[in-house]
Amino acid sequence: MGWRAAGPGDATLLTDLERAANLATLGHVFPPELHPYPYDDVLARWRRTLVEPGVVVEVRPGPDGLAALAAYDATTLRHLAVHPDHWGAGLARQAVERATASMRERGAHRAVLWCLRENHRARGFYEHLGWRATGATRAAEWLPHPEEMEHELDLAPRRIQ
């Protein structure tokens, strides 16, 4: 199964995938006993995102739901998630490559994303792909509002010297 565009009917699947990935990797940031997963709020966000002009949401179906997702616009990787059952299969790299190729095609010379400071797995992955922290920070949307860090990737074509 390959990547496909997500549609409004995928909001629940997107929420389920994001929940599975977050519970597997962010329990130290969002302890479930203190901060239950905000399922209804995340579902509402996906419903808005799926119809937002200029936003692309791509998914990779798996045997039991979605294996991966990427949401991005002309310059920003907004969401990336891989179901824990599919970690290590290269889906995150594929998703980032698809998103940044689309950004280049739209004329972007720089891509950005926001990542939780304490999401060490994701930060290491992005840094491995060449993303660098800019020094900008902000509070995350969800309680307890942990710090997010902005990362950037240079999309300008490289000149051979």
N, C-alpha and C. Protein backbone atom coordinates (compact mmCIF):
# COMPACT_ATOMS: atom_id res chain seq x y z
N MET A 1 0.84 -1.18 0.00
CA MET A 1 0.00 0.00 0.00
C MET A 1 0.88 1.24 0.00
N GLY A 2 0.52 2.20 -0.83
CA GLY A 2 1.29 3.43 -0.90
C GLY A 2 0.61 4.58 -0.16
N TRP A 3 1.20 5.73 -0.28
CA TRP A 3 0.66 6.94 0.33
C TRP A 3 -0.55 7.40 -0.47
N ARG A 4 -1.49 8.03 0.22
CA ARG A 4 -2.66 8.61 -0.44
C ARG A 4 -3.06 9.88 0.29
N ALA A 5 -3.81 10.71 -0.40
CA ALA A 5 -4.35 11.92 0.23
C ALA A 5 -5.43 11.54 1.22
N ALA A 6 -5.41 12.19 2.37
CA ALA A 6 -6.46 11.97 3.36
C ALA A 6 -7.64 12.87 3.03
N GLY A 7 -8.82 12.42 3.44
CA GLY A 7 -10.02 13.21 3.24
C GLY A 7 -10.77 13.37 4.54
N PRO A 8 -11.87 14.12 4.52
CA PRO A 8 -12.64 14.37 5.74
C PRO A 8 -13.06 13.10 6.48
N GLY A 9 -13.26 12.02 5.75
CA GLY A 9 -13.65 10.76 6.39
C GLY A 9 -12.52 10.09 7.17
N ASP A 10 -11.31 10.63 7.08
CA ASP A 10 -10.15 10.05 7.76
C ASP A 10 -9.87 10.68 9.13
N ALA A 11 -10.66 11.63 9.56
CA ALA A 11 -10.36 12.36 10.81
C ALA A 11 -10.21 11.42 12.00
N THR A 12 -11.09 10.45 12.13
CA THR A 12 -11.01 9.52 13.26
C THR A 12 -9.76 8.66 13.15
N LEU A 13 -9.43 8.18 11.96
CA LEU A 13 -8.21 7.38 11.79
C LEU A 13 -6.96 8.18 12.11
N LEU A 14 -6.94 9.45 11.69
CA LEU A 14 -5.80 10.32 12.00
C LEU A 14 -5.65 10.52 13.50
N THR A 15 -6.77 10.73 14.17
CA THR A 15 -6.75 10.92 15.62
C THR A 15 -6.28 9.66 16.32
N ASP A 16 -6.76 8.50 15.87
CA ASP A 16 -6.35 7.24 16.47
C ASP A 16 -4.85 7.00 16.30
N LEU A 17 -4.32 7.29 15.12
CA LEU A 17 -2.89 7.11 14.88
C LEU A 17 -2.08 8.07 15.74
N GLU A 18 -2.47 9.32 15.77
CA GLU A 18 -1.73 10.30 16.57
C GLU A 18 -1.75 9.90 18.06
N ARG A 19 -2.89 9.42 18.53
CA ARG A 19 -3.01 8.98 19.92
C ARG A 19 -2.06 7.81 20.21
N ALA A 20 -2.04 6.82 19.34
CA ALA A 20 -1.16 5.65 19.55
C ALA A 20 0.30 6.08 19.59
N ALA A 21 0.71 6.94 18.68
CA ALA A 21 2.10 7.39 18.65
C ALA A 21 2.43 8.23 19.88
N ASN A 22 1.54 9.12 20.27
CA ASN A 22 1.80 9.97 21.43
C ASN A 22 1.85 9.17 22.73
N LEU A 23 0.94 8.22 22.89
CA LEU A 23 0.95 7.42 24.12
C LEU A 23 2.22 6.58 24.22
N ALA A 24 2.75 6.15 23.08
CA ALA A 24 3.96 5.32 23.09
C ALA A 24 5.22 6.12 23.37
N THR A 25 5.24 7.39 23.01
CA THR A 25 6.50 8.12 23.11
C THR A 25 6.48 9.34 24.02
N LEU A 26 5.30 9.82 24.41
CA LEU A 26 5.25 11.08 25.17
C LEU A 26 4.65 10.95 26.57
N GLY A 27 4.61 9.76 27.12
CA GLY A 27 4.06 9.58 28.45
C GLY A 27 4.81 10.36 29.52
N HIS A 28 6.10 10.62 29.29
CA HIS A 28 6.88 11.40 30.25
C HIS A 28 6.55 12.88 30.18
N VAL A 29 5.97 13.32 29.08
CA VAL A 29 5.59 14.73 28.91
C VAL A 29 4.12 14.94 29.28
N PHE A 30 3.28 14.00 28.86
CA PHE A 30 1.84 14.06 29.13
C PHE A 30 1.44 12.80 29.91
N PRO A 31 1.77 12.73 31.20
CA PRO A 31 1.39 11.52 31.95
C PRO A 31 -0.11 11.29 31.85
N PRO A 32 -0.54 10.12 31.32
CA PRO A 32 -1.96 9.90 31.07
C PRO A 32 -2.83 9.99 32.32
N GLU A 33 -2.26 9.66 33.48
CA GLU A 33 -3.07 9.76 34.70
C GLU A 33 -3.32 11.21 35.11
N LEU A 34 -2.48 12.12 34.64
CA LEU A 34 -2.66 13.55 34.94
C LEU A 34 -3.28 14.31 33.78
N HIS A 35 -2.95 13.89 32.58
CA HIS A 35 -3.40 14.58 31.37
C HIS A 35 -3.91 13.56 30.37
N PRO A 36 -5.15 13.11 30.52
CA PRO A 36 -5.71 12.15 29.56
C PRO A 36 -5.63 12.70 28.14
N TYR A 37 -5.44 11.81 27.20
CA TYR A 37 -5.34 12.23 25.80
C TYR A 37 -6.59 13.02 25.41
N PRO A 38 -6.42 14.22 24.85
CA PRO A 38 -7.57 15.09 24.50
C PRO A 38 -8.21 14.67 23.18
N TYR A 39 -8.77 13.48 23.15
CA TYR A 39 -9.25 12.86 21.92
C TYR A 39 -10.21 13.77 21.14
N ASP A 40 -11.23 14.29 21.80
CA ASP A 40 -12.23 15.10 21.11
C ASP A 40 -11.62 16.38 20.53
N ASP A 41 -10.70 17.00 21.26
CA ASP A 41 -10.04 18.22 20.77
C ASP A 41 -9.14 17.92 19.58
N VAL A 42 -8.42 16.80 19.65
CA VAL A 42 -7.54 16.42 18.53
C VAL A 42 -8.39 16.06 17.31
N LEU A 43 -9.48 15.36 17.52
CA LEU A 43 -10.39 15.03 16.41
C LEU A 43 -10.92 16.31 15.76
N ALA A 44 -11.31 17.28 16.56
CA ALA A 44 -11.80 18.55 16.02
C ALA A 44 -10.70 19.27 15.24
N ARG A 45 -9.46 19.21 15.75
CA ARG A 45 -8.34 19.83 15.03
C ARG A 45 -8.12 19.16 13.67
N TRP A 46 -8.19 17.81 13.63
CA TRP A 46 -8.02 17.11 12.35
C TRP A 46 -9.15 17.48 11.39
N ARG A 47 -10.37 17.60 11.87
CA ARG A 47 -11.48 17.98 10.98
C ARG A 47 -11.23 19.36 10.37
N ARG A 48 -10.70 20.29 11.15
CA ARG A 48 -10.37 21.62 10.63
C ARG A 48 -9.21 21.54 9.65
N THR A 49 -8.17 20.79 10.02
CA THR A 49 -6.97 20.69 9.18
C THR A 49 -7.28 20.08 7.83
N LEU A 50 -8.13 19.07 7.79
CA LEU A 50 -8.44 18.38 6.53
C LEU A 50 -9.14 19.26 5.50
N VAL A 51 -9.75 20.33 5.93
CA VAL A 51 -10.44 21.22 4.98
C VAL A 51 -9.77 22.58 4.87
N GLU A 52 -8.63 22.75 5.53
CA GLU A 52 -7.93 24.03 5.48
C GLU A 52 -7.26 24.21 4.13
N PRO A 53 -7.52 25.33 3.45
CA PRO A 53 -6.88 25.57 2.15
C PRO A 53 -5.35 25.57 2.26
N GLY A 54 -4.70 24.94 1.30
CA GLY A 54 -3.25 24.92 1.24
C GLY A 54 -2.58 23.86 2.07
N VAL A 55 -3.35 23.11 2.85
CA VAL A 55 -2.77 22.06 3.69
C VAL A 55 -2.94 20.71 3.01
N VAL A 56 -1.87 19.95 2.98
CA VAL A 56 -1.87 18.61 2.42
C VAL A 56 -1.78 17.64 3.60
N VAL A 57 -2.65 16.65 3.61
CA VAL A 57 -2.57 15.58 4.61
C VAL A 57 -2.46 14.28 3.83
N GLU A 58 -1.34 13.59 4.02
CA GLU A 58 -1.12 12.31 3.36
C GLU A 58 -1.05 11.21 4.41
N VAL A 59 -1.54 10.05 4.05
CA VAL A 59 -1.53 8.91 4.96
C VAL A 59 -1.00 7.68 4.24
N ARG A 60 -0.43 6.81 5.04
CA ARG A 60 0.02 5.50 4.55
C ARG A 60 -0.82 4.46 5.28
N PRO A 61 -1.77 3.84 4.58
CA PRO A 61 -2.60 2.82 5.23
C PRO A 61 -1.76 1.63 5.69
N GLY A 62 -2.22 1.03 6.77
CA GLY A 62 -1.61 -0.19 7.28
C GLY A 62 -2.67 -1.27 7.36
N PRO A 63 -2.31 -2.44 7.81
CA PRO A 63 -3.29 -3.53 7.86
C PRO A 63 -4.42 -3.31 8.86
N ASP A 64 -4.18 -2.50 9.89
CA ASP A 64 -5.18 -2.28 10.94
C ASP A 64 -5.41 -0.80 11.19
N GLY A 65 -5.56 -0.02 10.15
CA GLY A 65 -5.72 1.43 10.31
C GLY A 65 -4.63 2.14 9.54
N LEU A 66 -4.21 3.28 10.05
CA LEU A 66 -3.15 4.03 9.39
C LEU A 66 -1.80 3.70 9.99
N ALA A 67 -0.80 3.53 9.12
CA ALA A 67 0.56 3.28 9.57
C ALA A 67 1.32 4.58 9.79
N ALA A 68 1.00 5.62 9.00
CA ALA A 68 1.73 6.89 9.10
C ALA A 68 0.90 8.02 8.55
N LEU A 69 1.25 9.23 8.97
CA LEU A 69 0.60 10.44 8.46
C LEU A 69 1.60 11.57 8.40
N ALA A 70 1.34 12.48 7.48
CA ALA A 70 2.09 13.74 7.40
C ALA A 70 1.12 14.82 6.96
N ALA A 71 1.15 15.95 7.66
CA ALA A 71 0.34 17.11 7.29
C ALA A 71 1.29 18.28 7.14
N TYR A 72 1.16 19.01 6.04
CA TYR A 72 2.07 20.12 5.78
C TYR A 72 1.41 21.13 4.87
N ASP A 73 2.00 22.33 4.87
CA ASP A 73 1.56 23.36 3.94
C ASP A 73 2.76 23.77 3.09
N ALA A 74 2.76 24.95 2.55
CA ALA A 74 3.83 25.36 1.63
C ALA A 74 5.19 25.48 2.30
N THR A 75 5.23 25.67 3.62
CA THR A 75 6.51 25.88 4.30
C THR A 75 6.66 25.14 5.62
N THR A 76 5.60 24.52 6.12
CA THR A 76 5.63 23.98 7.47
C THR A 76 5.18 22.53 7.51
N LEU A 77 6.00 21.69 8.14
CA LEU A 77 5.60 20.32 8.46
C LEU A 77 4.81 20.43 9.75
N ARG A 78 3.49 20.28 9.67
CA ARG A 78 2.61 20.51 10.81
C ARG A 78 2.46 19.30 11.72
N HIS A 79 2.35 18.13 11.13
CA HIS A 79 2.14 16.91 11.91
C HIS A 79 2.82 15.75 11.21
N LEU A 80 3.45 14.89 12.00
CA LEU A 80 4.06 13.67 11.49
C LEU A 80 3.87 12.62 12.57
N ALA A 81 3.37 11.47 12.19
CA ALA A 81 3.21 10.38 13.15
C ALA A 81 3.32 9.05 12.43
N VAL A 82 3.93 8.10 13.11
CA VAL A 82 4.01 6.73 12.63
C VAL A 82 3.51 5.85 13.77
N HIS A 83 2.63 4.92 13.44
CA HIS A 83 2.13 4.00 14.45
C HIS A 83 3.30 3.19 15.00
N PRO A 84 3.36 3.00 16.33
CA PRO A 84 4.49 2.25 16.92
C PRO A 84 4.72 0.88 16.30
N ASP A 85 3.69 0.24 15.78
CA ASP A 85 3.87 -1.07 15.13
C ASP A 85 4.69 -0.96 13.85
N HIS A 86 4.87 0.27 13.34
CA HIS A 86 5.58 0.47 12.08
C HIS A 86 6.86 1.28 12.24
N TRP A 87 7.27 1.54 13.48
CA TRP A 87 8.52 2.25 13.71
C TRP A 87 9.66 1.45 13.11
N GLY A 88 10.61 2.15 12.52
CA GLY A 88 11.79 1.51 11.95
C GLY A 88 11.61 1.05 10.52
N ALA A 89 10.43 1.27 9.94
CA ALA A 89 10.17 0.83 8.56
C ALA A 89 10.48 1.91 7.52
N GLY A 90 10.97 3.07 7.96
CA GLY A 90 11.31 4.14 7.02
C GLY A 90 10.14 5.05 6.65
N LEU A 91 8.99 4.86 7.28
CA LEU A 91 7.82 5.67 6.91
C LEU A 91 7.97 7.13 7.31
N ALA A 92 8.58 7.41 8.43
CA ALA A 92 8.78 8.81 8.84
C ALA A 92 9.69 9.52 7.84
N ARG A 93 10.76 8.88 7.44
CA ARG A 93 11.67 9.48 6.45
C ARG A 93 10.93 9.72 5.13
N GLN A 94 10.15 8.73 4.68
CA GLN A 94 9.38 8.91 3.45
C GLN A 94 8.44 10.10 3.57
N ALA A 95 7.76 10.21 4.70
CA ALA A 95 6.80 11.30 4.90
C ALA A 95 7.49 12.66 4.85
N VAL A 96 8.63 12.78 5.52
CA VAL A 96 9.36 14.05 5.52
C VAL A 96 9.86 14.37 4.12
N GLU A 97 10.37 13.37 3.42
CA GLU A 97 10.86 13.60 2.05
C GLU A 97 9.72 14.02 1.13
N ARG A 98 8.55 13.42 1.27
CA ARG A 98 7.40 13.80 0.44
C ARG A 98 6.99 15.25 0.75
N ALA A 99 6.94 15.58 2.04
CA ALA A 99 6.53 16.92 2.44
C ALA A 99 7.52 17.98 1.94
N THR A 100 8.81 17.75 2.15
CA THR A 100 9.79 18.76 1.75
C THR A 100 9.91 18.86 0.22
N ALA A 101 9.70 17.77 -0.49
CA ALA A 101 9.68 17.84 -1.96
C ALA A 101 8.51 18.70 -2.42
N SER A 102 7.36 18.55 -1.79
CA SER A 102 6.21 19.36 -2.14
C SER A 102 6.48 20.84 -1.84
N MET A 103 7.11 21.11 -0.71
CA MET A 103 7.44 22.49 -0.36
C MET A 103 8.37 23.11 -1.40
N ARG A 104 9.39 22.34 -1.82
CA ARG A 104 10.31 22.83 -2.86
C ARG A 104 9.53 23.13 -4.15
N GLU A 105 8.64 22.22 -4.52
CA GLU A 105 7.85 22.42 -5.73
C GLU A 105 7.00 23.68 -5.65
N ARG A 106 6.59 24.05 -4.44
CA ARG A 106 5.79 25.26 -4.24
C ARG A 106 6.67 26.50 -4.11
N GLY A 107 7.99 26.33 -4.22
CA GLY A 107 8.90 27.47 -4.21
C GLY A 107 9.53 27.81 -2.88
N ALA A 108 9.33 27.00 -1.87
CA ALA A 108 9.92 27.29 -0.55
C ALA A 108 11.42 27.02 -0.58
N HIS A 109 12.16 27.86 0.13
CA HIS A 109 13.60 27.68 0.29
C HIS A 109 13.96 27.26 1.71
N ARG A 110 12.94 27.27 2.58
CA ARG A 110 13.15 26.92 3.98
C ARG A 110 11.87 26.25 4.48
N ALA A 111 12.04 25.15 5.20
CA ALA A 111 10.91 24.47 5.83
C ALA A 111 11.06 24.60 7.34
N VAL A 112 9.93 24.64 8.04
CA VAL A 112 9.96 24.70 9.50
C VAL A 112 9.04 23.64 10.09
N LEU A 113 9.30 23.31 11.34
CA LEU A 113 8.43 22.44 12.13
C LEU A 113 8.64 22.80 13.59
N TRP A 114 7.67 22.41 14.41
CA TRP A 114 7.76 22.59 15.86
C TRP A 114 7.74 21.21 16.49
N CYS A 115 8.62 21.01 17.45
CA CYS A 115 8.75 19.71 18.11
C CYS A 115 8.91 19.94 19.61
N LEU A 116 8.26 19.11 20.40
CA LEU A 116 8.41 19.23 21.85
C LEU A 116 9.87 19.06 22.25
N ARG A 117 10.34 19.94 23.11
CA ARG A 117 11.72 19.85 23.59
C ARG A 117 12.00 18.46 24.18
N GLU A 118 11.05 17.88 24.88
CA GLU A 118 11.25 16.59 25.54
C GLU A 118 10.93 15.39 24.65
N ASN A 119 10.65 15.61 23.39
CA ASN A 119 10.43 14.51 22.46
C ASN A 119 11.78 14.17 21.81
N HIS A 120 12.63 13.54 22.60
CA HIS A 120 14.00 13.27 22.18
C HIS A 120 14.07 12.37 20.95
N ARG A 121 13.18 11.41 20.85
CA ARG A 121 13.17 10.52 19.68
C ARG A 121 12.94 11.33 18.40
N ALA A 122 11.92 12.17 18.40
CA ALA A 122 11.62 12.97 17.20
C ALA A 122 12.73 13.97 16.91
N ARG A 123 13.21 14.65 17.94
CA ARG A 123 14.27 15.64 17.70
C ARG A 123 15.50 14.99 17.11
N GLY A 124 15.88 13.81 17.61
CA GLY A 124 17.03 13.10 17.06
C GLY A 124 16.81 12.71 15.60
N PHE A 125 15.59 12.28 15.30
CA PHE A 125 15.25 11.92 13.92
C PHE A 125 15.38 13.13 13.00
N TYR A 126 14.76 14.24 13.39
CA TYR A 126 14.82 15.44 12.55
C TYR A 126 16.25 15.94 12.38
N GLU A 127 17.01 15.95 13.44
CA GLU A 127 18.39 16.41 13.35
C GLU A 127 19.21 15.49 12.44
N HIS A 128 18.94 14.19 12.47
CA HIS A 128 19.61 13.24 11.58
C HIS A 128 19.32 13.59 10.11
N LEU A 129 18.13 14.11 9.85
CA LEU A 129 17.76 14.48 8.48
C LEU A 129 18.22 15.89 8.09
N GLY A 130 18.89 16.58 9.00
CA GLY A 130 19.44 17.89 8.66
C GLY A 130 18.68 19.09 9.21
N TRP A 131 17.59 18.85 9.94
CA TRP A 131 16.85 19.95 10.56
C TRP A 131 17.69 20.49 11.72
N ARG A 132 17.62 21.81 11.93
CA ARG A 132 18.37 22.45 13.01
C ARG A 132 17.44 23.35 13.83
N ALA A 133 17.64 23.33 15.15
CA ALA A 133 16.86 24.20 16.03
C ALA A 133 17.21 25.66 15.74
N THR A 134 16.17 26.51 15.71
CA THR A 134 16.39 27.93 15.42
C THR A 134 16.60 28.75 16.69
N GLY A 135 16.23 28.21 17.84
CA GLY A 135 16.28 28.96 19.09
C GLY A 135 14.93 29.51 19.49
N ALA A 136 13.96 29.50 18.56
CA ALA A 136 12.61 29.97 18.88
C ALA A 136 11.87 28.88 19.65
N THR A 137 11.08 29.29 20.64
CA THR A 137 10.29 28.36 21.44
C THR A 137 8.89 28.91 21.63
N ARG A 138 7.98 28.03 22.00
CA ARG A 138 6.61 28.42 22.33
C ARG A 138 6.00 27.33 23.21
N ALA A 139 4.89 27.67 23.84
CA ALA A 139 4.17 26.69 24.66
C ALA A 139 3.31 25.83 23.76
N ALA A 140 3.27 24.53 24.02
CA ALA A 140 2.43 23.61 23.26
C ALA A 140 0.96 23.88 23.55
N GLU A 141 0.13 23.47 22.63
CA GLU A 141 -1.32 23.69 22.71
C GLU A 141 -1.97 22.93 23.86
N TRP A 142 -1.49 21.73 24.16
CA TRP A 142 -2.16 20.85 25.11
C TRP A 142 -1.54 20.93 26.50
N LEU A 143 -2.39 20.78 27.53
CA LEU A 143 -1.91 20.75 28.91
C LEU A 143 -0.90 19.63 29.08
N PRO A 144 0.14 19.85 29.81
CA PRO A 144 0.49 20.98 30.65
C PRO A 144 1.27 22.08 29.91
N HIS A 145 1.10 22.18 28.62
CA HIS A 145 1.73 23.20 27.77
C HIS A 145 3.26 23.15 27.82
N PRO A 146 3.85 21.99 27.52
CA PRO A 146 5.32 21.90 27.52
C PRO A 146 5.90 22.74 26.38
N GLU A 147 7.18 22.96 26.47
CA GLU A 147 7.85 23.82 25.49
C GLU A 147 8.07 23.09 24.16
N GLU A 148 7.77 23.79 23.09
CA GLU A 148 8.09 23.33 21.74
C GLU A 148 9.25 24.16 21.21
N MET A 149 10.04 23.53 20.38
CA MET A 149 11.18 24.19 19.73
C MET A 149 10.96 24.22 18.23
N GLU A 150 11.29 25.34 17.62
CA GLU A 150 11.21 25.44 16.16
C GLU A 150 12.49 24.85 15.56
N HIS A 151 12.30 24.11 14.48
CA HIS A 151 13.42 23.58 13.70
C HIS A 151 13.24 24.03 12.25
N GLU A 152 14.35 24.15 11.55
CA GLU A 152 14.29 24.55 10.14
C GLU A 152 15.19 23.65 9.30
N LEU A 153 14.83 23.60 8.03
CA LEU A 153 15.60 22.83 7.06
C LEU A 153 15.77 23.69 5.82
N ASP A 154 16.99 23.83 5.37
CA ASP A 154 17.28 24.59 4.16
C ASP A 154 16.84 23.76 2.95
N LEU A 155 15.94 24.31 2.15
CA LEU A 155 15.44 23.60 0.97
C LEU A 155 16.05 24.11 -0.32
N ALA A 156 16.91 25.14 -0.23
CA ALA A 156 17.50 25.71 -1.43
C ALA A 156 18.35 24.67 -2.13
N PRO A 157 18.31 24.66 -3.45
CA PRO A 157 19.16 23.71 -4.18
C PRO A 157 20.63 23.95 -3.88
N ARG A 158 21.36 22.89 -3.78
CA ARG A 158 22.82 23.00 -3.52
C ARG A 158 23.55 23.21 -4.84
N ARG A 159 24.53 24.10 -4.79
CA ARG A 159 25.36 24.33 -5.97
C ARG A 159 26.60 23.46 -5.87
N ILE A 160 26.93 22.85 -6.97
CA ILE A 160 28.16 22.04 -7.03
C ILE A 160 29.29 22.97 -7.41
N GLN A 161 30.32 22.96 -6.62
CA GLN A 161 31.45 23.90 -6.84
C GLN A 161 32.59 23.20 -7.53
